[in-house]
């Protein structure tokens, strides 16, 4: 990027798990990076890793004289002095106050108005919008949401950049170089986990999302879908483990079979690996010694809150958040288990078990469609509310590789939005409508089976309720509006009358006349 080869192309601040791996990804792709962290041991670790990889994987015949690609810095001032101008500085620090603190330190160190600072943390999107305004006279604040965990960061994440369009023109070649790549013909990830040998071919999973805040909002929804997807898989596991009395290894084998078809995804693949793993200390399946209390970092909650604020239904995402909260009530659940009865689970024949397993597969697929439909519907509502122009085909494209919810399924979503850019909901796309038509019978059977056996399947059930609510042209909200008008004079619209015309029944008057408002 800079003409002075003695200076670094990029400054990187924050060398935790994600920062360290993003740094190594950058240097693999030919960028020289100046690094800083408050913990100097982290600086030493990434410098040592750089040297090791140069010596082990470098192409220079005289590896001992290969120049370092990672340059350590002991202060913000030194970092700026090591960079070619205008500066490009990437942050990988915890969301919230640490981002503001680093920005303030960079201002004190002499950052210029045409320098770019990129926040790659899991920041709340409204904080990102506020920061762009706060720092606009000091430097260009840009955001890029990153998905893919430490392996994705190292060898190719999914990147959701947003902010000033001019800043994007400078950042674009960097992000498109380090992002995950997809085979344009098949839509499948091109995966290569070799230091010093990054993937160069294929479509890059980095695409400009929109104004500042848009990228972090899209990543927030991505994480909400991730919550739902994970919970759906857990419910499928729970039914097989509890009602079918299958071992973790047997369920892992089923998941691996499923991963060869429409459910092919990263989350199914890693679920199989977790279920197969045996704890070295107890010699029991690892999943049996992991305490059943799920953690969360807030992005799923933020998604659920946004759906409520915007009036865009996302019940499966919300249910996944509630499921994690319920799992946290471990002591209460242990006490309740001794008091609250459930149904008796009966043994099934081999043929009956196979039928149930197939129904669970179909329920997982249909529920997954609904979870993604809710997420994309929420993004569509947010775009209208906040004035963004989101390209949903492009968003689905950059989620096909690198990110946690990457799946073959996303190619079908891309194609759906390519067929109709104004698609109101994935459920009405011809392909997905046909998929639901084909598999919904087993979807309903799976939920019935789980319910009759006392196994909670809130994510499956909420997805089906969403689908049934969306497909019906008349819902019981007419009675609800009558109730609201009775006790609170909230008024209602009438069938066959112009939209927006309001009516009220004078409930306490004789004959209860209808009043036009």
Protein backbone atom coordinates (compact mmCIF):
# COMPACT_ATOMS: atom_id res chain seq x y z
CA UNK A 1 0.00 0.00 0.00
CA UNK A 2 2.74 2.48 0.89
CA UNK A 3 5.60 3.39 -1.45
CA UNK A 4 8.27 3.31 1.30
CA UNK A 5 9.08 -0.40 1.59
CA UNK A 6 10.64 0.20 5.03
CA UNK A 7 7.25 1.25 6.40
CA UNK A 8 4.36 -1.07 7.20
CA UNK A 9 1.17 -1.30 5.18
CA UNK A 10 -1.16 -1.80 8.13
CA UNK A 11 -1.24 -1.13 11.86
CA UNK A 12 -2.95 -3.71 14.06
CA UNK A 13 -4.04 -3.10 17.66
CA UNK A 14 -5.27 -5.95 19.86
CA UNK A 15 -3.57 -9.34 19.59
CA UNK A 16 -5.99 -11.67 21.33
CA UNK A 17 -7.16 -14.83 19.59
CA UNK A 18 -8.90 -13.03 16.72
CA UNK A 19 -6.34 -10.23 16.39
CA UNK A 20 -3.37 -12.58 16.29
CA UNK A 21 -4.99 -14.75 13.62
CA UNK A 22 -6.12 -11.82 11.50
CA UNK A 23 -2.57 -10.46 11.64
CA UNK A 24 -1.11 -13.75 10.40
CA UNK A 25 -3.75 -13.86 7.66
CA UNK A 26 -2.70 -10.36 6.55
CA UNK A 27 1.00 -11.22 6.38
CA UNK A 28 0.24 -14.44 4.49
CA UNK A 29 -1.38 -12.23 1.88
CA UNK A 30 1.69 -10.03 1.46
CA UNK A 31 1.04 -7.18 3.90
CA UNK A 32 3.63 -5.91 6.34
CA UNK A 33 1.96 -5.23 9.69
CA UNK A 34 2.98 -3.09 12.68
CA UNK A 35 1.38 -4.46 15.85
CA UNK A 36 0.58 -3.19 19.33
CA UNK A 37 -1.12 -4.61 22.41
CA UNK A 38 -1.19 -3.49 26.03
CA UNK A 39 0.07 -6.96 26.90
CA UNK A 40 3.60 -7.15 25.49
CA UNK A 41 3.60 -10.95 25.81
CA UNK A 42 0.95 -11.05 23.09
CA UNK A 43 3.17 -8.92 20.86
CA UNK A 44 6.07 -11.29 21.45
CA UNK A 45 3.86 -14.28 20.66
CA UNK A 46 2.72 -13.02 17.27
CA UNK A 47 6.27 -11.91 16.34
CA UNK A 48 7.54 -15.38 17.28
CA UNK A 49 4.80 -17.05 15.26
CA UNK A 50 5.68 -14.89 12.26
CA UNK A 51 9.33 -15.90 12.48
CA UNK A 52 8.44 -19.56 12.90
CA UNK A 53 6.16 -19.53 9.86
CA UNK A 54 8.75 -17.71 7.75
CA UNK A 55 11.30 -20.38 8.62
CA UNK A 56 8.87 -23.28 8.26
CA UNK A 57 6.69 -22.30 5.33
CA UNK A 58 8.48 -19.38 3.66
CA UNK A 59 9.49 -19.55 0.00
CA UNK A 60 12.78 -17.73 0.40
CA UNK A 61 15.63 -20.25 -0.20
CA UNK A 62 17.64 -18.49 2.49
CA UNK A 63 14.97 -18.55 5.15
CA UNK A 64 17.35 -17.44 7.85
CA UNK A 65 17.58 -14.00 6.27
CA UNK A 66 13.87 -13.58 5.47
CA UNK A 67 12.71 -10.18 6.71
CA UNK A 68 10.02 -10.12 9.42
CA UNK A 69 6.49 -9.36 8.31
CA UNK A 70 5.25 -8.41 11.78
CA UNK A 71 6.86 -5.36 13.38
CA UNK A 72 6.40 -4.93 17.15
CA UNK A 73 5.58 -1.51 18.59
CA UNK A 74 5.67 -0.38 22.22
CA UNK A 75 3.25 2.56 21.95
CA UNK A 76 0.53 4.10 19.80
CA UNK A 77 2.98 6.81 18.72
CA UNK A 78 5.53 4.26 17.56
CA UNK A 79 2.80 2.37 15.71
CA UNK A 80 1.85 5.47 13.72
CA UNK A 81 5.50 6.20 12.96
CA UNK A 82 5.94 2.74 11.43
CA UNK A 83 3.05 3.11 8.95
CA UNK A 84 2.97 4.45 5.41
CA UNK A 85 0.59 7.38 4.93
CA UNK A 86 -2.34 7.63 4.91
CA UNK A 87 -2.55 5.16 7.76
CA UNK A 88 -4.78 2.09 7.88
CA UNK A 89 -5.21 0.81 11.43
CA UNK A 90 -7.24 -2.26 12.37
CA UNK A 91 -8.62 -2.79 15.88
CA UNK A 92 -9.44 -6.15 17.43
CA UNK A 93 -10.36 -5.16 20.95
CA UNK A 94 -13.39 -5.91 23.15
CA UNK A 95 -16.57 -4.04 22.21
CA UNK A 96 -17.61 -0.99 24.20
CA UNK A 97 -15.29 1.31 26.14
CA UNK A 98 -12.04 -0.32 24.94
CA UNK A 99 -12.80 0.81 21.36
CA UNK A 100 -13.35 4.39 22.51
CA UNK A 101 -10.23 4.28 24.66
CA UNK A 102 -8.01 3.12 21.76
CA UNK A 103 -9.48 5.78 19.48
CA UNK A 104 -8.74 8.46 22.07
CA UNK A 105 -5.16 7.21 22.44
CA UNK A 106 -4.67 7.32 18.66
CA UNK A 107 -5.89 10.91 18.58
CA UNK A 108 -3.39 11.80 21.31
CA UNK A 109 -0.67 10.03 19.30
CA UNK A 110 -1.29 12.25 16.28
CA UNK A 111 -3.62 10.34 13.94
CA UNK A 112 -4.69 12.41 10.90
CA UNK A 113 -8.08 13.14 9.35
CA UNK A 114 -7.44 10.97 6.28
CA UNK A 115 -6.30 7.96 8.33
CA UNK A 116 -8.67 5.00 8.67
CA UNK A 117 -9.43 3.12 11.87
CA UNK A 118 -11.35 -0.14 11.42
CA UNK A 119 -13.26 -1.73 14.31
CA UNK A 120 -13.49 -5.52 13.82
CA UNK A 121 -15.03 -6.35 17.21
CA UNK A 122 -18.59 -7.41 18.02
CA UNK A 123 -19.76 -3.85 18.60
CA UNK A 124 -23.41 -2.91 18.95
CA UNK A 125 -24.32 -1.30 15.65
CA UNK A 126 -25.70 1.88 17.25
CA UNK A 127 -22.33 2.40 18.98
CA UNK A 128 -20.67 2.20 15.57
CA UNK A 129 -22.96 4.90 14.16
CA UNK A 130 -22.21 7.14 17.15
CA UNK A 131 -18.45 6.65 16.79
CA UNK A 132 -18.43 7.63 13.14
CA UNK A 133 -20.06 10.94 14.03
CA UNK A 134 -17.87 11.50 17.09
CA UNK A 135 -14.58 10.96 15.27
CA UNK A 136 -15.43 12.34 11.81
CA UNK A 137 -13.16 15.38 12.19
CA UNK A 138 -10.29 13.32 13.66
CA UNK A 139 -10.08 10.30 11.33
CA UNK A 140 -12.26 7.99 9.22
CA UNK A 141 -13.94 5.49 11.54
CA UNK A 142 -14.92 2.33 9.67
CA UNK A 143 -16.37 -0.94 10.87
CA UNK A 144 -16.04 -4.52 9.72
CA UNK A 145 -17.89 -7.33 11.43
CA UNK A 146 -15.94 -10.60 11.34
CA UNK A 147 -17.35 -14.11 11.49
CA UNK A 148 -15.56 -17.43 11.48
CA UNK A 149 -13.86 -17.74 14.85
CA UNK A 150 -10.11 -18.15 15.18
CA UNK A 151 -9.76 -20.58 12.27
CA UNK A 152 -11.74 -18.28 10.01
CA UNK A 153 -9.69 -15.28 11.09
CA UNK A 154 -6.48 -17.16 10.31
CA UNK A 155 -7.36 -18.70 6.97
CA UNK A 156 -10.35 -16.74 5.66
CA UNK A 157 -13.29 -15.17 7.54
CA UNK A 158 -16.56 -13.78 6.30
CA UNK A 159 -16.30 -9.98 6.46
CA UNK A 160 -19.17 -7.47 6.67
CA UNK A 161 -17.65 -4.01 6.17
CA UNK A 162 -19.61 -0.77 6.41
CA UNK A 163 -18.87 2.93 6.61
CA UNK A 164 -17.55 5.74 4.43
CA UNK A 165 -17.54 4.63 0.75
CA UNK A 166 -14.17 6.32 0.15
CA UNK A 167 -12.64 4.42 3.06
CA UNK A 168 -14.01 1.22 1.55
CA UNK A 169 -12.11 1.81 -1.70
CA UNK A 170 -8.88 1.76 0.31
CA UNK A 171 -9.81 -1.20 2.49
CA UNK A 172 -11.45 -3.33 -0.22
CA UNK A 173 -8.30 -4.96 -1.67
CA UNK A 174 -7.11 -5.91 1.83
CA UNK A 175 -10.40 -7.45 2.92
CA UNK A 176 -11.03 -9.27 -0.34
CA UNK A 177 -7.53 -10.75 -0.13
CA UNK A 178 -7.87 -12.19 3.38
CA UNK A 179 -11.54 -13.23 3.27
CA UNK A 180 -12.80 -16.76 2.71
CA UNK A 181 -13.29 -17.79 -0.91
CA UNK A 182 -16.11 -19.66 -2.65
CA UNK A 183 -16.15 -21.63 -5.87
CA UNK A 184 -18.37 -19.47 -8.12
CA UNK A 185 -19.73 -22.52 -9.96
CA UNK A 186 -20.74 -24.64 -6.98
CA UNK A 187 -21.12 -22.03 -4.25
CA UNK A 188 -19.03 -24.22 -1.95
CA UNK A 189 -16.12 -22.98 0.18
CA UNK A 190 -12.58 -23.31 -1.12
CA UNK A 191 -10.82 -24.36 2.06
CA UNK A 192 -7.09 -24.39 2.60
CA UNK A 193 -5.55 -24.37 6.07
CA UNK A 194 -1.91 -23.92 5.15
CA UNK A 195 0.19 -21.05 6.56
CA UNK A 196 1.88 -19.14 3.78
CA UNK A 197 -0.44 -20.56 1.13
CA UNK A 198 -3.66 -18.49 1.18
CA UNK A 199 -6.55 -19.12 -1.17
CA UNK A 200 -6.31 -16.70 -4.08
CA UNK A 201 -8.97 -18.07 -6.42
CA UNK A 202 -12.77 -17.89 -6.12
CA UNK A 203 -15.30 -15.30 -5.01
CA UNK A 204 -14.32 -13.37 -1.90
CA UNK A 205 -16.62 -13.41 1.15
CA UNK A 206 -16.13 -9.70 1.77
CA UNK A 207 -18.63 -7.25 0.33
CA UNK A 208 -19.54 -3.66 1.23
CA UNK A 209 -22.76 -3.71 3.27
CA UNK A 210 -23.62 -0.01 3.51
CA UNK A 211 -23.26 3.02 5.79
CA UNK A 212 -21.59 2.71 9.18
CA UNK A 213 -23.57 0.46 11.47
CA UNK A 214 -25.07 -1.62 8.67
CA UNK A 215 -22.28 -4.20 8.75
CA UNK A 216 -22.49 -4.70 12.49
CA UNK A 217 -26.28 -4.93 12.24
CA UNK A 218 -26.01 -7.64 9.58
CA UNK A 219 -23.45 -9.50 11.74
CA UNK A 220 -25.81 -9.18 14.70
CA UNK A 221 -28.57 -10.85 12.69
CA UNK A 222 -26.07 -13.46 11.49
CA UNK A 223 -25.41 -14.28 15.14
CA UNK A 224 -29.14 -14.40 15.88
CA UNK A 225 -29.58 -16.94 13.09
CA UNK A 226 -26.58 -18.78 14.52
CA UNK A 227 -28.34 -18.99 17.90
CA UNK A 228 -31.43 -20.46 16.23
CA UNK A 229 -29.45 -22.90 14.08
CA UNK A 230 -27.50 -24.19 17.09
CA UNK A 231 -30.63 -24.59 19.21
CA UNK A 232 -32.41 -26.48 16.42
CA UNK A 233 -29.50 -28.91 16.17
CA UNK A 234 -29.51 -29.32 19.95
CA UNK A 235 -33.23 -30.12 19.92
CA UNK A 236 -32.70 -32.72 17.20
CA UNK A 237 -29.95 -34.25 19.36
CA UNK A 238 -32.15 -34.12 22.46
CA UNK A 239 -35.00 -36.05 20.84
CA UNK A 240 -32.66 -38.76 19.55
CA UNK A 241 -30.77 -39.03 22.83
CA UNK A 242 -33.80 -39.03 25.14
CA UNK A 243 -36.67 -40.60 23.22
CA UNK A 244 -34.70 -42.90 20.92
CA UNK A 245 -32.05 -43.78 23.55
CA UNK A 246 -29.22 -43.23 21.06
CA UNK A 247 -25.61 -42.78 22.14
CA UNK A 248 -23.66 -39.61 21.25
CA UNK A 249 -21.58 -41.63 18.78
CA UNK A 250 -24.72 -42.96 17.07
CA UNK A 251 -26.13 -39.44 16.78
CA UNK A 252 -22.80 -38.20 15.42
CA UNK A 253 -23.05 -40.83 12.68
CA UNK A 254 -26.55 -39.56 11.79
CA UNK A 255 -25.29 -35.97 11.68
CA UNK A 256 -22.47 -36.99 9.34
CA UNK A 257 -25.01 -38.59 7.04
CA UNK A 258 -27.15 -35.48 7.15
CA UNK A 259 -24.11 -33.39 6.30
CA UNK A 260 -24.00 -35.01 2.87
CA UNK A 261 -27.35 -33.48 1.85
CA UNK A 262 -29.47 -30.35 2.27
CA UNK A 263 -28.28 -29.89 5.88
CA UNK A 264 -24.61 -29.70 4.85
CA UNK A 265 -23.17 -27.02 7.15
CA UNK A 266 -20.32 -26.12 9.45
CA UNK A 267 -22.55 -26.38 12.54
CA UNK A 268 -23.74 -29.90 11.71
CA UNK A 269 -20.13 -30.95 11.04
CA UNK A 270 -18.77 -29.63 14.34
CA UNK A 271 -21.75 -31.04 16.25
CA UNK A 272 -20.79 -34.48 14.97
CA UNK A 273 -17.20 -33.91 16.10
CA UNK A 274 -18.29 -32.83 19.58
CA UNK A 275 -20.55 -35.88 19.93
CA UNK A 276 -17.80 -38.26 18.81
CA UNK A 277 -15.22 -36.94 21.24
CA UNK A 278 -14.41 -39.04 24.33
CA UNK A 279 -13.13 -37.28 27.45
CA UNK A 280 -9.62 -38.51 28.28
CA UNK A 281 -10.12 -38.22 32.03
CA UNK A 282 -13.47 -39.97 32.48
CA UNK A 283 -13.52 -42.02 29.26
CA UNK A 284 -17.12 -40.87 28.84
CA UNK A 285 -18.52 -39.03 25.82
CA UNK A 286 -17.42 -35.40 26.27
CA UNK A 287 -20.97 -34.13 25.80
CA UNK A 288 -22.04 -36.13 28.89
CA UNK A 289 -19.62 -34.33 31.19
CA UNK A 290 -20.24 -30.80 29.86
CA UNK A 291 -22.61 -29.02 32.23
CA UNK A 292 -25.89 -28.16 30.50
CA UNK A 293 -25.71 -24.40 31.11
CA UNK A 294 -25.30 -22.36 27.92
CA UNK A 295 -23.50 -19.04 27.81
CA UNK A 296 -24.11 -16.07 25.55
CA UNK A 297 -22.35 -12.82 24.70
CA UNK A 298 -25.38 -10.72 23.80
CA UNK A 299 -25.68 -10.66 20.01
CA UNK A 300 -28.60 -13.11 19.98
CA UNK A 301 -30.33 -11.00 22.63
CA UNK A 302 -29.66 -7.84 20.59
CA UNK A 303 -31.25 -9.52 17.56
CA UNK A 304 -34.34 -10.52 19.53
CA UNK A 305 -34.63 -7.01 20.98
CA UNK A 306 -34.31 -5.43 17.55
CA UNK A 307 -37.01 -7.71 16.16
CA UNK A 308 -39.35 -6.59 18.96
CA UNK A 309 -38.50 -2.91 18.49
CA UNK A 310 -39.08 -3.06 14.73
CA UNK A 311 -42.11 -5.35 14.91
CA UNK A 312 -40.42 -7.91 12.68
CA UNK A 313 -41.24 -11.40 14.01
CA UNK A 314 -38.22 -13.57 14.79
CA UNK A 315 -39.68 -16.11 17.23
CA UNK A 316 -37.17 -18.89 16.56
CA UNK A 317 -34.24 -16.58 17.24
CA UNK A 318 -35.94 -15.30 20.39
CA UNK A 319 -36.75 -18.85 21.50
CA UNK A 320 -33.08 -19.79 21.12
CA UNK A 321 -32.17 -16.94 23.49
CA UNK A 322 -34.86 -18.09 25.96
CA UNK A 323 -33.55 -21.67 25.76
CA UNK A 324 -30.10 -20.50 26.84
CA UNK A 325 -31.65 -18.52 29.69
CA UNK A 326 -33.64 -21.57 30.81
CA UNK A 327 -30.52 -23.71 30.71
CA UNK A 328 -28.98 -21.30 33.21
CA UNK A 329 -31.61 -22.21 35.80
CA UNK A 330 -29.78 -25.45 36.52
CA UNK A 331 -30.43 -25.64 40.27
CA UNK A 332 -34.12 -24.86 39.80
CA UNK A 333 -34.42 -27.48 37.06
CA UNK A 334 -32.79 -30.14 39.22
CA UNK A 335 -35.31 -29.36 41.98
CA UNK A 336 -38.27 -29.25 39.56
CA UNK A 337 -37.28 -32.59 38.04
CA UNK A 338 -38.11 -34.25 41.36
CA UNK A 339 -41.56 -32.69 41.50
CA UNK A 340 -42.95 -32.15 38.00
CA UNK A 341 -44.07 -35.28 36.13
CA UNK A 342 -43.71 -35.96 32.43
CA UNK A 343 -44.95 -38.69 30.10
CA UNK A 344 -43.56 -42.19 29.96
CA UNK A 345 -41.24 -42.72 26.98
CA UNK A 346 -41.94 -46.02 25.25
CA UNK A 347 -39.44 -48.15 23.39
CA UNK A 348 -39.73 -48.06 19.60
CA UNK A 349 -39.00 -50.68 16.99
CA UNK A 350 -36.04 -50.24 14.65
CA UNK A 351 -38.38 -49.21 11.81
CA UNK A 352 -40.18 -46.71 14.03
CA UNK A 353 -36.84 -45.21 15.09
CA UNK A 354 -35.76 -44.75 11.48
CA UNK A 355 -39.04 -43.00 10.70
CA UNK A 356 -38.58 -40.64 13.65
CA UNK A 357 -34.99 -39.88 12.63
CA UNK A 358 -36.17 -38.98 9.12
CA UNK A 359 -38.91 -36.76 10.53
CA UNK A 360 -36.35 -34.98 12.74
CA UNK A 361 -34.15 -34.39 9.68
CA UNK A 362 -37.06 -32.82 7.80
CA UNK A 363 -38.10 -30.77 10.83
CA UNK A 364 -34.56 -29.44 11.18
CA UNK A 365 -34.47 -28.47 7.50
CA UNK A 366 -37.86 -26.72 7.53
CA UNK A 367 -37.14 -24.96 10.81
CA UNK A 368 -33.77 -23.82 9.46
CA UNK A 369 -35.51 -22.28 6.45
CA UNK A 370 -37.83 -20.38 8.81
CA UNK A 371 -34.97 -19.17 11.01
CA UNK A 372 -33.17 -17.71 8.00
CA UNK A 373 -36.44 -16.28 6.69
CA UNK A 374 -36.90 -14.46 10.01
CA UNK A 375 -33.35 -13.10 9.91
CA UNK A 376 -33.58 -11.80 6.36
CA UNK A 377 -37.03 -10.37 7.02
CA UNK A 378 -35.60 -8.52 10.03
CA UNK A 379 -32.74 -7.10 7.95
CA UNK A 380 -35.26 -6.00 5.31
CA UNK A 381 -37.33 -4.21 7.95
CA UNK A 382 -34.21 -2.57 9.42
CA UNK A 383 -33.09 -1.42 5.97
CA UNK A 384 -36.42 0.36 5.45
CA UNK A 385 -36.30 1.86 8.95
CA UNK A 386 -32.71 3.11 8.81
CA UNK A 387 -32.41 4.01 5.13
CA UNK A 388 -29.99 1.26 4.15
CA UNK A 389 -29.88 -0.43 0.76
CA UNK A 390 -28.95 -3.98 1.67
CA UNK A 391 -28.13 -6.47 -1.08
CA UNK A 392 -29.50 -9.72 0.35
CA UNK A 393 -28.12 -11.90 -2.45
CA UNK A 394 -24.68 -10.48 -1.70
CA UNK A 395 -25.12 -10.98 2.05
CA UNK A 396 -26.06 -14.63 1.50
CA UNK A 397 -23.01 -14.96 -0.77
CA UNK A 398 -20.52 -13.76 1.82
CA UNK A 399 -22.03 -16.14 4.39
CA UNK A 400 -21.35 -19.18 2.20
CA UNK A 401 -17.81 -19.57 3.57
CA UNK A 402 -15.73 -18.39 6.50
CA UNK A 403 -18.61 -17.70 8.89
CA UNK A 404 -20.17 -19.91 11.56
CA UNK A 405 -23.49 -20.38 9.71
CA UNK A 406 -21.81 -21.27 6.43
CA UNK A 407 -23.83 -23.93 4.64
CA UNK A 408 -24.65 -25.23 1.18
CA UNK A 409 -28.15 -23.94 1.97
CA UNK A 410 -26.95 -20.34 1.52
CA UNK A 411 -26.43 -20.85 -2.20
CA UNK A 412 -30.21 -21.39 -2.50
CA UNK A 413 -30.83 -18.16 -0.57
CA UNK A 414 -28.47 -16.28 -2.90
CA UNK A 415 -30.36 -17.63 -5.91
CA UNK A 416 -33.70 -16.71 -4.34
CA UNK A 417 -32.72 -13.04 -4.04
CA UNK A 418 -31.14 -13.08 -7.49
CA UNK A 419 -34.52 -14.20 -8.85
CA UNK A 420 -36.33 -11.44 -6.98
CA UNK A 421 -34.45 -8.55 -5.35
CA UNK A 422 -37.70 -7.37 -3.74
CA UNK A 423 -38.54 -10.78 -2.23
CA UNK A 424 -40.65 -10.09 0.86
CA UNK A 425 -39.86 -13.38 2.59
CA UNK A 426 -37.82 -16.47 1.74
CA UNK A 427 -40.88 -18.63 2.38
CA UNK A 428 -42.63 -17.33 -0.75
CA UNK A 429 -39.67 -17.98 -3.03
CA UNK A 430 -40.71 -20.85 -5.37
CA UNK A 431 -37.80 -23.07 -4.34
CA UNK A 432 -38.31 -22.70 -0.60
CA UNK A 433 -42.11 -22.90 -0.87
CA UNK A 434 -41.68 -26.25 -2.63
CA UNK A 435 -39.20 -27.46 0.01
CA UNK A 436 -41.66 -26.71 2.83
CA UNK A 437 -44.48 -28.34 0.88
CA UNK A 438 -42.38 -31.49 0.48
CA UNK A 439 -41.15 -31.82 4.06
CA UNK A 440 -43.74 -30.18 6.31
CA UNK A 441 -45.60 -33.44 7.05
CA UNK A 442 -42.56 -34.88 8.82
CA UNK A 443 -41.88 -31.49 10.43
CA UNK A 444 -45.25 -31.70 12.16
CA UNK A 445 -44.74 -35.36 13.07
CA UNK A 446 -41.37 -34.64 14.68
CA UNK A 447 -42.81 -31.87 16.85
CA UNK A 448 -45.78 -34.05 17.82
CA UNK A 449 -43.46 -36.92 18.73
CA UNK A 450 -41.22 -34.71 20.86
CA UNK A 451 -44.18 -33.08 22.60
CA UNK A 452 -45.90 -36.39 23.37
CA UNK A 453 -42.64 -37.63 24.89
CA UNK A 454 -42.14 -34.53 27.02
CA UNK A 455 -39.05 -33.30 25.20
CA UNK A 456 -38.92 -29.49 24.80
CA UNK A 457 -38.65 -28.38 21.18
CA UNK A 458 -39.31 -24.66 21.43
CA UNK A 459 -37.21 -23.74 18.40
CA UNK A 460 -38.86 -26.36 16.19
CA UNK A 461 -42.31 -25.34 17.45
CA UNK A 462 -41.76 -21.59 17.11
CA UNK A 463 -40.52 -22.07 13.55
CA UNK A 464 -43.65 -24.04 12.65
CA UNK A 465 -45.88 -21.46 14.34
CA UNK A 466 -44.12 -18.73 12.33
CA UNK A 467 -44.69 -20.65 9.11
CA UNK A 468 -48.36 -21.36 9.87
CA UNK A 469 -48.97 -17.75 10.93
CA UNK A 470 -47.32 -16.40 7.79
CA UNK A 471 -49.26 -18.67 5.43
CA UNK A 472 -52.73 -17.92 6.85
CA UNK A 473 -54.72 -15.03 5.39
CA UNK A 474 -56.83 -14.72 8.57
CA UNK A 475 -55.38 -14.79 12.10
CA UNK A 476 -57.15 -14.38 15.47
CA UNK A 477 -55.82 -10.83 15.76
CA UNK A 478 -59.37 -9.71 14.91
CA UNK A 479 -60.54 -10.95 18.32
CA UNK A 480 -57.47 -9.40 19.92
CA UNK A 481 -58.34 -6.02 18.41
CA UNK A 482 -61.88 -6.42 19.72
CA UNK A 483 -60.50 -7.08 23.20
CA UNK A 484 -58.24 -4.02 23.00
CA UNK A 485 -61.09 -1.82 21.85
CA UNK A 486 -63.35 -3.11 24.67
CA UNK A 487 -61.01 -2.40 27.57
CA UNK A 488 -58.93 0.44 26.18
CA UNK A 489 -60.85 2.07 23.29
CA UNK A 490 -57.87 1.37 21.02
CA UNK A 491 -60.10 1.21 17.92
CA UNK A 492 -59.79 -1.12 14.94
CA UNK A 493 -59.89 -1.24 11.16
CA UNK A 494 -62.80 -2.92 9.34
CA UNK A 495 -62.76 -5.53 6.60
CA UNK A 496 -63.51 -3.93 3.26
CA UNK A 497 -62.82 -0.37 4.43
CA UNK A 498 -59.82 1.79 3.41
CA UNK A 499 -56.60 1.09 5.30
CA UNK A 500 -56.05 3.48 8.18
CA UNK A 501 -59.74 4.21 8.78
CA UNK A 502 -60.41 3.58 12.48
CA UNK A 503 -63.60 2.49 14.24
CA UNK A 504 -64.65 2.09 17.86
CA UNK A 505 -67.60 0.37 19.53
CA UNK A 506 -69.24 2.34 22.33
CA UNK A 507 -69.31 -0.76 24.54
CA UNK A 508 -71.02 0.90 27.53
CA UNK A 509 -73.83 2.52 25.56
CA UNK A 510 -77.19 0.90 24.67
CA UNK A 511 -77.04 -1.09 21.41
CA UNK A 512 -73.26 -0.46 21.33
CA UNK A 513 -73.10 1.82 18.28
CA UNK A 514 -69.98 1.82 16.06
CA UNK A 515 -68.25 5.16 15.88
CA UNK A 516 -65.99 6.34 13.04
CA UNK A 517 -62.84 7.98 14.32
